[in-house]
Amino acid sequence: MEPRDEYEFLGREPKPIRGLRTPLFDRLQDTPPGRYASTRPARVFGRRELRESVRVEVARILNTRAHLKGESQSLAEGTVLDYGLPDFYAYSASSNSDLEQLANTIAKKIAAGEPRLSEVRVLLKADPTNPKAVLGIIRASLRLGTVIEPVNFPLSLDSQSGFQVSESPGN
């Protein structure tokens, strides 16, 4: 590069972009499986892509088991070592107190593991068609740069497929 070209490059103003910077892990995996090269690197997310990124991360949190217990869990609380949900095999889908406790745990883990969400609330109820399954909704505020907007993610849990987090049609 000629010295003259270097000065021209340094003198340019940055271009404003519409959207939000893509999180690091989303940038590292922007090529879908089965494709060898991305047609356009995902450096900026629009609203739809941001919501999808958050939905995928929430599903990861809910389908990962945190295996720390007792004092180790207390010391690791809020860190990456405490990522995911504790085992909840002893909970019953027909027990309102178990569902309330599980909903509180889910909300706490999502709030700790997904910083783009705030004011996370989770509502759960037994699935009327399957006594061993749970249905629910995650309600939160999503930070879009300087704008905060409400989001809802329907969720289901059964013993076969784990947690399924869907995109709400209203989002």
N, C-alpha and C. Protein backbone atom coordinates (compact mmCIF):
# COMPACT_ATOMS: atom_id res chain seq x y z
N MET A 1 0.86 -1.18 0.00
CA MET A 1 0.00 0.00 0.00
C MET A 1 0.89 1.24 0.00
N GLU A 2 0.61 2.15 -0.85
CA GLU A 2 1.36 3.39 -0.94
C GLU A 2 1.09 4.24 0.30
N PRO A 3 2.06 5.02 0.77
CA PRO A 3 1.84 5.87 1.94
C PRO A 3 0.66 6.81 1.74
N ARG A 4 0.48 7.30 0.51
CA ARG A 4 -0.62 8.22 0.23
C ARG A 4 -1.96 7.52 0.49
N ASP A 5 -2.09 6.23 0.10
CA ASP A 5 -3.32 5.47 0.31
C ASP A 5 -3.62 5.27 1.80
N GLU A 6 -2.57 5.07 2.59
CA GLU A 6 -2.76 4.88 4.03
C GLU A 6 -3.41 6.12 4.65
N TYR A 7 -2.96 7.31 4.25
CA TYR A 7 -3.53 8.54 4.79
C TYR A 7 -4.97 8.73 4.38
N GLU A 8 -5.30 8.36 3.13
CA GLU A 8 -6.68 8.46 2.68
C GLU A 8 -7.59 7.56 3.51
N PHE A 9 -7.12 6.35 3.79
CA PHE A 9 -7.91 5.40 4.58
C PHE A 9 -8.14 5.93 6.00
N LEU A 10 -7.11 6.50 6.59
CA LEU A 10 -7.23 7.02 7.95
C LEU A 10 -8.14 8.24 8.03
N GLY A 11 -8.27 8.97 6.96
CA GLY A 11 -9.08 10.17 6.97
C GLY A 11 -10.57 9.93 6.76
N ARG A 12 -10.97 8.71 6.40
CA ARG A 12 -12.39 8.43 6.16
C ARG A 12 -13.17 8.38 7.45
N GLU A 13 -14.38 8.83 7.37
CA GLU A 13 -15.30 8.77 8.51
C GLU A 13 -15.97 7.41 8.54
N PRO A 14 -16.25 6.87 9.72
CA PRO A 14 -16.98 5.60 9.75
C PRO A 14 -18.40 5.79 9.24
N LYS A 15 -18.92 4.76 8.56
CA LYS A 15 -20.27 4.82 8.04
C LYS A 15 -21.25 4.39 9.12
N PRO A 16 -22.34 5.13 9.30
CA PRO A 16 -23.35 4.66 10.24
C PRO A 16 -24.06 3.43 9.66
N ILE A 17 -24.40 2.50 10.51
CA ILE A 17 -25.09 1.29 10.07
C ILE A 17 -26.39 1.15 10.82
N ARG A 18 -27.36 0.50 10.18
CA ARG A 18 -28.64 0.21 10.83
C ARG A 18 -28.55 -1.19 11.41
N GLY A 19 -28.90 -1.33 12.65
CA GLY A 19 -28.87 -2.64 13.28
C GLY A 19 -27.97 -2.64 14.49
N LEU A 20 -27.79 -3.82 15.04
CA LEU A 20 -26.98 -3.98 16.24
C LEU A 20 -25.83 -4.93 15.96
N ARG A 21 -24.72 -4.67 16.59
CA ARG A 21 -23.54 -5.51 16.40
C ARG A 21 -23.87 -6.95 16.80
N THR A 22 -23.49 -7.88 15.97
CA THR A 22 -23.73 -9.30 16.22
C THR A 22 -22.82 -9.76 17.36
N PRO A 23 -23.36 -10.50 18.34
CA PRO A 23 -22.52 -11.02 19.42
C PRO A 23 -21.41 -11.93 18.88
N LEU A 24 -20.32 -12.02 19.61
CA LEU A 24 -19.14 -12.75 19.18
C LEU A 24 -19.46 -14.19 18.77
N PHE A 25 -20.17 -14.93 19.59
CA PHE A 25 -20.41 -16.33 19.27
C PHE A 25 -21.31 -16.49 18.04
N ASP A 26 -22.21 -15.56 17.81
CA ASP A 26 -23.01 -15.61 16.59
C ASP A 26 -22.14 -15.31 15.37
N ARG A 27 -21.16 -14.42 15.51
CA ARG A 27 -20.26 -14.12 14.40
C ARG A 27 -19.35 -15.31 14.10
N LEU A 28 -18.97 -16.04 15.13
CA LEU A 28 -18.09 -17.19 14.92
C LEU A 28 -18.80 -18.35 14.23
N GLN A 29 -20.11 -18.39 14.32
CA GLN A 29 -20.84 -19.50 13.70
C GLN A 29 -21.87 -19.01 12.71
N ASP A 30 -21.52 -18.00 11.90
CA ASP A 30 -22.51 -17.45 10.99
C ASP A 30 -22.73 -18.29 9.74
N THR A 31 -21.96 -19.35 9.54
CA THR A 31 -22.16 -20.23 8.40
C THR A 31 -23.03 -21.40 8.83
N PRO A 32 -24.20 -21.57 8.21
CA PRO A 32 -25.06 -22.70 8.58
C PRO A 32 -24.37 -24.03 8.33
N PRO A 33 -24.70 -25.07 9.11
CA PRO A 33 -24.09 -26.38 8.88
C PRO A 33 -24.34 -26.83 7.44
N GLY A 34 -23.33 -27.47 6.85
CA GLY A 34 -23.48 -27.95 5.48
C GLY A 34 -23.02 -26.95 4.43
N ARG A 35 -22.78 -25.71 4.83
CA ARG A 35 -22.28 -24.70 3.89
C ARG A 35 -20.84 -24.41 4.26
N TYR A 36 -20.01 -24.20 3.24
CA TYR A 36 -18.59 -24.00 3.50
C TYR A 36 -18.21 -22.54 3.68
N ALA A 37 -18.97 -21.66 3.09
CA ALA A 37 -18.62 -20.24 3.20
C ALA A 37 -19.89 -19.42 3.30
N SER A 38 -19.81 -18.39 4.10
CA SER A 38 -20.94 -17.48 4.25
C SER A 38 -20.94 -16.51 3.08
N THR A 39 -22.11 -16.23 2.57
CA THR A 39 -22.19 -15.29 1.46
C THR A 39 -21.92 -13.86 1.94
N ARG A 40 -22.33 -13.56 3.15
CA ARG A 40 -22.10 -12.23 3.73
C ARG A 40 -21.92 -12.42 5.22
N PRO A 41 -20.79 -12.02 5.76
CA PRO A 41 -20.60 -12.21 7.20
C PRO A 41 -21.69 -11.49 8.00
N ALA A 42 -22.16 -12.14 9.05
CA ALA A 42 -23.22 -11.56 9.88
C ALA A 42 -22.58 -10.65 10.92
N ARG A 43 -22.35 -9.41 10.57
CA ARG A 43 -21.72 -8.46 11.48
C ARG A 43 -22.74 -7.59 12.20
N VAL A 44 -23.92 -7.44 11.60
CA VAL A 44 -24.95 -6.58 12.16
C VAL A 44 -26.28 -7.34 12.13
N PHE A 45 -27.02 -7.26 13.23
CA PHE A 45 -28.33 -7.88 13.31
C PHE A 45 -29.42 -6.83 13.19
N GLY A 46 -30.46 -7.17 12.46
CA GLY A 46 -31.69 -6.40 12.49
C GLY A 46 -32.52 -6.91 13.66
N ARG A 47 -33.72 -6.38 13.81
CA ARG A 47 -34.58 -6.78 14.93
C ARG A 47 -34.92 -8.26 14.90
N ARG A 48 -35.28 -8.78 13.73
CA ARG A 48 -35.67 -10.18 13.63
C ARG A 48 -34.50 -11.11 13.97
N GLU A 49 -33.32 -10.81 13.43
CA GLU A 49 -32.14 -11.63 13.70
C GLU A 49 -31.73 -11.57 15.17
N LEU A 50 -31.88 -10.40 15.78
CA LEU A 50 -31.55 -10.28 17.20
C LEU A 50 -32.49 -11.14 18.03
N ARG A 51 -33.78 -11.08 17.76
CA ARG A 51 -34.74 -11.91 18.51
C ARG A 51 -34.44 -13.40 18.32
N GLU A 52 -34.09 -13.79 17.11
CA GLU A 52 -33.77 -15.20 16.85
C GLU A 52 -32.50 -15.60 17.60
N SER A 53 -31.50 -14.74 17.63
CA SER A 53 -30.28 -15.02 18.37
C SER A 53 -30.57 -15.20 19.86
N VAL A 54 -31.41 -14.34 20.41
CA VAL A 54 -31.78 -14.44 21.82
C VAL A 54 -32.57 -15.72 22.07
N ARG A 55 -33.51 -16.04 21.18
CA ARG A 55 -34.31 -17.26 21.33
C ARG A 55 -33.41 -18.50 21.36
N VAL A 56 -32.45 -18.55 20.45
CA VAL A 56 -31.53 -19.70 20.39
C VAL A 56 -30.70 -19.78 21.68
N GLU A 57 -30.22 -18.66 22.17
CA GLU A 57 -29.42 -18.67 23.40
C GLU A 57 -30.26 -19.09 24.60
N VAL A 58 -31.50 -18.64 24.67
CA VAL A 58 -32.39 -19.05 25.76
C VAL A 58 -32.61 -20.56 25.71
N ALA A 59 -32.82 -21.11 24.51
CA ALA A 59 -32.99 -22.56 24.38
C ALA A 59 -31.73 -23.29 24.83
N ARG A 60 -30.56 -22.76 24.53
CA ARG A 60 -29.30 -23.38 24.99
C ARG A 60 -29.23 -23.39 26.51
N ILE A 61 -29.57 -22.27 27.12
CA ILE A 61 -29.54 -22.19 28.59
C ILE A 61 -30.46 -23.24 29.19
N LEU A 62 -31.68 -23.32 28.67
CA LEU A 62 -32.69 -24.22 29.25
C LEU A 62 -32.38 -25.69 29.00
N ASN A 63 -31.64 -26.01 27.97
CA ASN A 63 -31.33 -27.40 27.66
C ASN A 63 -29.94 -27.82 28.10
N THR A 64 -29.30 -26.98 28.91
CA THR A 64 -27.99 -27.31 29.48
C THR A 64 -28.18 -27.53 30.97
N ARG A 65 -27.60 -28.59 31.50
CA ARG A 65 -27.71 -28.89 32.93
C ARG A 65 -26.51 -28.36 33.68
N ALA A 66 -26.77 -27.62 34.74
CA ALA A 66 -25.74 -27.14 35.65
C ALA A 66 -25.60 -28.21 36.73
N HIS A 67 -24.41 -28.75 36.87
CA HIS A 67 -24.24 -29.89 37.77
C HIS A 67 -23.65 -29.53 39.13
N LEU A 68 -23.40 -28.27 39.38
CA LEU A 68 -22.85 -27.89 40.68
C LEU A 68 -23.94 -27.94 41.74
N LYS A 69 -23.55 -28.34 42.93
CA LYS A 69 -24.51 -28.42 44.04
C LYS A 69 -23.88 -27.85 45.30
N GLY A 70 -24.72 -27.47 46.23
CA GLY A 70 -24.26 -27.03 47.54
C GLY A 70 -23.40 -25.79 47.49
N GLU A 71 -22.28 -25.84 48.23
CA GLU A 71 -21.41 -24.67 48.34
C GLU A 71 -20.78 -24.30 47.00
N SER A 72 -20.44 -25.30 46.18
CA SER A 72 -19.86 -25.03 44.86
C SER A 72 -20.84 -24.21 44.02
N GLN A 73 -22.11 -24.58 44.07
CA GLN A 73 -23.13 -23.86 43.30
C GLN A 73 -23.26 -22.43 43.82
N SER A 74 -23.25 -22.27 45.13
CA SER A 74 -23.36 -20.93 45.72
C SER A 74 -22.19 -20.04 45.30
N LEU A 75 -20.99 -20.61 45.30
CA LEU A 75 -19.81 -19.83 44.93
C LEU A 75 -19.81 -19.48 43.44
N ALA A 76 -20.35 -20.36 42.61
CA ALA A 76 -20.34 -20.15 41.16
C ALA A 76 -21.55 -19.39 40.66
N GLU A 77 -22.51 -19.09 41.53
CA GLU A 77 -23.76 -18.45 41.09
C GLU A 77 -23.49 -17.17 40.31
N GLY A 78 -24.13 -17.09 39.14
CA GLY A 78 -23.99 -15.91 38.29
C GLY A 78 -22.77 -15.94 37.40
N THR A 79 -21.97 -17.01 37.44
CA THR A 79 -20.79 -17.12 36.58
C THR A 79 -21.06 -18.15 35.49
N VAL A 80 -20.13 -18.27 34.55
CA VAL A 80 -20.30 -19.26 33.49
C VAL A 80 -20.29 -20.69 34.03
N LEU A 81 -19.71 -20.90 35.19
CA LEU A 81 -19.71 -22.24 35.79
C LEU A 81 -21.11 -22.67 36.21
N ASP A 82 -21.99 -21.71 36.37
CA ASP A 82 -23.36 -21.98 36.81
C ASP A 82 -24.34 -21.88 35.65
N TYR A 83 -23.84 -21.98 34.43
CA TYR A 83 -24.66 -21.86 33.22
C TYR A 83 -25.61 -23.05 33.12
N GLY A 84 -26.85 -22.81 32.77
CA GLY A 84 -27.83 -23.87 32.59
C GLY A 84 -28.70 -24.06 33.81
N LEU A 85 -29.62 -25.02 33.69
CA LEU A 85 -30.56 -25.31 34.77
C LEU A 85 -30.09 -26.48 35.62
N PRO A 86 -30.39 -26.45 36.91
CA PRO A 86 -30.11 -27.64 37.71
C PRO A 86 -31.09 -28.74 37.31
N ASP A 87 -30.78 -29.98 37.67
CA ASP A 87 -31.71 -31.07 37.38
C ASP A 87 -33.04 -30.80 38.06
N PHE A 88 -34.10 -31.08 37.35
CA PHE A 88 -35.44 -30.85 37.91
C PHE A 88 -36.30 -32.09 37.77
N TYR A 89 -35.65 -33.25 37.73
CA TYR A 89 -36.37 -34.52 37.55
C TYR A 89 -37.35 -34.80 38.68
N ALA A 90 -37.12 -34.24 39.85
CA ALA A 90 -38.01 -34.51 40.99
C ALA A 90 -39.27 -33.64 40.95
N TYR A 91 -39.33 -32.67 40.04
CA TYR A 91 -40.50 -31.80 39.94
C TYR A 91 -41.64 -32.53 39.25
N SER A 92 -42.86 -32.14 39.59
CA SER A 92 -44.04 -32.72 38.98
C SER A 92 -44.78 -31.67 38.18
N ALA A 93 -45.18 -32.03 36.97
CA ALA A 93 -45.93 -31.11 36.11
C ALA A 93 -47.31 -30.82 36.69
N SER A 94 -47.80 -31.67 37.58
CA SER A 94 -49.12 -31.46 38.15
C SER A 94 -49.09 -30.67 39.47
N SER A 95 -47.88 -30.33 39.94
CA SER A 95 -47.75 -29.58 41.19
C SER A 95 -47.54 -28.10 40.90
N ASN A 96 -48.47 -27.27 41.35
CA ASN A 96 -48.34 -25.82 41.13
C ASN A 96 -47.11 -25.25 41.83
N SER A 97 -46.78 -25.75 43.02
CA SER A 97 -45.61 -25.22 43.73
C SER A 97 -44.32 -25.62 42.99
N ASP A 98 -44.26 -26.84 42.44
CA ASP A 98 -43.08 -27.23 41.65
C ASP A 98 -42.95 -26.37 40.40
N LEU A 99 -44.07 -26.13 39.72
CA LEU A 99 -44.04 -25.30 38.51
C LEU A 99 -43.62 -23.87 38.83
N GLU A 100 -44.07 -23.35 39.95
CA GLU A 100 -43.68 -21.99 40.35
C GLU A 100 -42.19 -21.94 40.67
N GLN A 101 -41.69 -22.94 41.36
CA GLN A 101 -40.27 -22.98 41.68
C GLN A 101 -39.42 -23.12 40.40
N LEU A 102 -39.86 -23.97 39.48
CA LEU A 102 -39.16 -24.14 38.21
C LEU A 102 -39.19 -22.84 37.41
N ALA A 103 -40.33 -22.17 37.36
CA ALA A 103 -40.46 -20.90 36.63
C ALA A 103 -39.50 -19.85 37.20
N ASN A 104 -39.41 -19.78 38.52
CA ASN A 104 -38.49 -18.82 39.16
C ASN A 104 -37.03 -19.14 38.83
N THR A 105 -36.69 -20.43 38.84
CA THR A 105 -35.32 -20.84 38.51
C THR A 105 -35.00 -20.51 37.06
N ILE A 106 -35.93 -20.79 36.16
CA ILE A 106 -35.73 -20.50 34.74
C ILE A 106 -35.53 -19.00 34.52
N ALA A 107 -36.37 -18.18 35.14
CA ALA A 107 -36.25 -16.73 34.98
C ALA A 107 -34.89 -16.24 35.48
N LYS A 108 -34.46 -16.75 36.61
CA LYS A 108 -33.17 -16.35 37.19
C LYS A 108 -32.01 -16.76 36.28
N LYS A 109 -32.05 -17.96 35.73
CA LYS A 109 -30.97 -18.45 34.87
C LYS A 109 -30.94 -17.69 33.54
N ILE A 110 -32.10 -17.38 32.99
CA ILE A 110 -32.14 -16.62 31.74
C ILE A 110 -31.59 -15.21 31.98
N ALA A 111 -32.01 -14.59 33.07
CA ALA A 111 -31.52 -13.24 33.38
C ALA A 111 -30.00 -13.22 33.55
N ALA A 112 -29.44 -14.27 34.15
CA ALA A 112 -27.99 -14.33 34.35
C ALA A 112 -27.25 -14.68 33.06
N GLY A 113 -27.85 -15.52 32.21
CA GLY A 113 -27.15 -16.02 31.04
C GLY A 113 -27.38 -15.28 29.75
N GLU A 114 -28.39 -14.43 29.69
CA GLU A 114 -28.70 -13.69 28.47
C GLU A 114 -28.82 -12.21 28.80
N PRO A 115 -27.69 -11.46 28.74
CA PRO A 115 -27.68 -10.06 29.17
C PRO A 115 -28.51 -9.11 28.30
N ARG A 116 -28.92 -9.57 27.12
CA ARG A 116 -29.75 -8.70 26.27
C ARG A 116 -31.19 -8.65 26.75
N LEU A 117 -31.55 -9.55 27.68
CA LEU A 117 -32.89 -9.56 28.25
C LEU A 117 -32.86 -9.01 29.67
N SER A 118 -33.92 -8.30 30.02
CA SER A 118 -34.09 -7.83 31.40
C SER A 118 -35.55 -8.05 31.78
N GLU A 119 -35.84 -7.89 33.06
CA GLU A 119 -37.21 -8.05 33.57
C GLU A 119 -37.81 -9.38 33.10
N VAL A 120 -37.06 -10.46 33.24
CA VAL A 120 -37.49 -11.77 32.77
C VAL A 120 -38.53 -12.35 33.72
N ARG A 121 -39.64 -12.78 33.14
CA ARG A 121 -40.70 -13.47 33.89
C ARG A 121 -41.06 -14.74 33.13
N VAL A 122 -41.32 -15.80 33.88
CA VAL A 122 -41.68 -17.07 33.26
C VAL A 122 -42.96 -17.56 33.91
N LEU A 123 -43.92 -17.93 33.10
CA LEU A 123 -45.17 -18.50 33.56
C LEU A 123 -45.27 -19.92 33.02
N LEU A 124 -45.54 -20.89 33.89
CA LEU A 124 -45.66 -22.29 33.49
C LEU A 124 -46.98 -22.87 33.93
N LYS A 125 -47.47 -23.83 33.15
CA LYS A 125 -48.67 -24.57 33.53
C LYS A 125 -48.56 -25.98 32.94
N ALA A 126 -49.29 -26.89 33.55
CA ALA A 126 -49.30 -28.27 33.04
C ALA A 126 -49.95 -28.30 31.67
N ASP A 127 -49.44 -29.15 30.80
CA ASP A 127 -50.02 -29.33 29.47
C ASP A 127 -51.28 -30.18 29.62
N PRO A 128 -52.45 -29.66 29.25
CA PRO A 128 -53.68 -30.43 29.45
C PRO A 128 -53.75 -31.70 28.59
N THR A 129 -52.93 -31.80 27.54
CA THR A 129 -52.96 -32.98 26.67
C THR A 129 -51.92 -34.03 27.05
N ASN A 130 -50.97 -33.66 27.93
CA ASN A 130 -49.90 -34.59 28.32
C ASN A 130 -49.56 -34.35 29.78
N PRO A 131 -49.86 -35.29 30.67
CA PRO A 131 -49.63 -35.08 32.10
C PRO A 131 -48.15 -34.95 32.49
N LYS A 132 -47.24 -35.33 31.60
CA LYS A 132 -45.81 -35.22 31.90
C LYS A 132 -45.13 -34.06 31.18
N ALA A 133 -45.92 -33.16 30.63
CA ALA A 133 -45.37 -32.03 29.87
C ALA A 133 -45.82 -30.72 30.49
N VAL A 134 -45.07 -29.67 30.17
CA VAL A 134 -45.33 -28.33 30.70
C VAL A 134 -45.34 -27.34 29.54
N LEU A 135 -46.24 -26.38 29.60
CA LEU A 135 -46.30 -25.28 28.63
C LEU A 135 -46.05 -23.98 29.38
N GLY A 136 -45.57 -23.00 28.68
CA GLY A 136 -45.34 -21.73 29.36
C GLY A 136 -44.98 -20.63 28.39
N ILE A 137 -44.63 -19.50 28.98
CA ILE A 137 -44.21 -18.34 28.18
C ILE A 137 -43.13 -17.60 28.96
N ILE A 138 -42.16 -17.12 28.21
CA ILE A 138 -41.11 -16.27 28.77
C ILE A 138 -41.43 -14.86 28.33
N ARG A 139 -41.57 -13.96 29.28
CA ARG A 139 -41.80 -12.54 28.98
C ARG A 139 -40.61 -11.76 29.49
N ALA A 140 -40.12 -10.86 28.64
CA ALA A 140 -38.95 -10.09 29.03
C ALA A 140 -38.89 -8.80 28.23
N SER A 141 -37.92 -7.97 28.58
CA SER A 141 -37.63 -6.76 27.80
C SER A 141 -36.32 -7.01 27.07
N LEU A 142 -36.32 -6.74 25.77
CA LEU A 142 -35.16 -6.94 24.93
C LEU A 142 -34.54 -5.59 24.61
N ARG A 143 -33.23 -5.50 24.85
CA ARG A 143 -32.50 -4.27 24.59
C ARG A 143 -32.07 -4.25 23.13
N LEU A 144 -32.55 -3.25 22.38
CA LEU A 144 -32.18 -3.05 20.98
C LEU A 144 -31.40 -1.75 20.89
N GLY A 145 -30.14 -1.77 21.23
CA GLY A 145 -29.36 -0.54 21.29
C GLY A 145 -29.88 0.32 22.42
N THR A 146 -30.45 1.48 22.09
CA THR A 146 -30.99 2.37 23.12
C THR A 146 -32.48 2.16 23.33
N VAL A 147 -33.08 1.28 22.54
CA VAL A 147 -34.52 1.01 22.63
C VAL A 147 -34.74 -0.30 23.38
N ILE A 148 -35.75 -0.33 24.21
CA ILE A 148 -36.12 -1.55 24.92
C ILE A 148 -37.54 -1.89 24.50
N GLU A 149 -37.73 -3.14 24.07
CA GLU A 149 -39.08 -3.54 23.65
C GLU A 149 -39.43 -4.89 24.28
N PRO A 150 -40.72 -5.11 24.53
CA PRO A 150 -41.14 -6.38 25.14
C PRO A 150 -41.06 -7.52 24.13
N VAL A 151 -40.69 -8.71 24.63
CA VAL A 151 -40.69 -9.91 23.80
C VAL A 151 -41.34 -11.05 24.59
N ASN A 152 -41.92 -11.98 23.87
CA ASN A 152 -42.51 -13.18 24.44
C ASN A 152 -41.98 -14.37 23.67
N PHE A 153 -41.62 -15.42 24.40
CA PHE A 153 -41.18 -16.66 23.78
C PHE A 153 -42.00 -17.80 24.38
N PRO A 154 -42.93 -18.38 23.60
CA PRO A 154 -43.65 -19.55 24.09
C PRO A 154 -42.65 -20.69 24.33
N LEU A 155 -42.93 -21.51 25.33
CA LEU A 155 -42.02 -22.59 25.62
C LEU A 155 -42.79 -23.84 26.01
N SER A 156 -42.19 -24.98 25.72
CA SER A 156 -42.79 -26.25 26.11
C SER A 156 -41.66 -27.16 26.61
N LEU A 157 -42.03 -28.08 27.48
CA LEU A 157 -41.08 -29.02 28.04
C LEU A 157 -41.75 -30.38 28.11
N ASP A 158 -41.07 -31.37 27.55
CA ASP A 158 -41.51 -32.74 27.77
C ASP A 158 -40.27 -33.62 27.92
N SER A 159 -40.47 -34.82 28.40
CA SER A 159 -39.33 -35.69 28.71
C SER A 159 -38.60 -36.17 27.46
N GLN A 160 -39.23 -36.12 26.31
CA GLN A 160 -38.61 -36.61 25.08
C GLN A 160 -37.71 -35.57 24.41
N SER A 161 -38.21 -34.34 24.28
CA SER A 161 -37.47 -33.36 23.48
C SER A 161 -36.88 -32.22 24.29
N GLY A 162 -37.04 -32.22 25.61
CA GLY A 162 -36.50 -31.14 26.42
C GLY A 162 -37.28 -29.85 26.21
N PHE A 163 -36.62 -28.74 26.44
CA PHE A 163 -37.26 -27.44 26.27
C PHE A 163 -37.28 -27.04 24.80
N GLN A 164 -38.42 -26.58 24.34
CA GLN A 164 -38.56 -26.01 23.01
C GLN A 164 -38.97 -24.55 23.20
N VAL A 165 -38.19 -23.64 22.68
CA VAL A 165 -38.48 -22.21 22.79
C VAL A 165 -38.85 -21.72 21.40
N SER A 166 -40.04 -21.17 21.27
CA SER A 166 -40.55 -20.75 19.96
C SER A 166 -40.51 -19.23 19.83
N GLU A 167 -40.60 -18.80 18.60
CA GLU A 167 -40.74 -17.36 18.32
C GLU A 167 -42.21 -17.05 18.41
N SER A 168 -42.56 -16.05 19.16
CA SER A 168 -43.96 -15.66 19.29
C SER A 168 -44.40 -14.94 18.03
N PRO A 169 -45.60 -15.25 17.50
CA PRO A 169 -46.07 -14.57 16.30
C PRO A 169 -46.18 -13.06 16.50
N GLY A 170 -46.37 -12.61 17.73
CA GLY A 170 -46.52 -11.17 18.00
C GLY A 170 -45.20 -10.44 18.10
N ASN A 171 -44.06 -11.15 18.13
CA ASN A 171 -42.76 -10.49 18.26
C ASN A 171 -42.36 -9.82 16.99
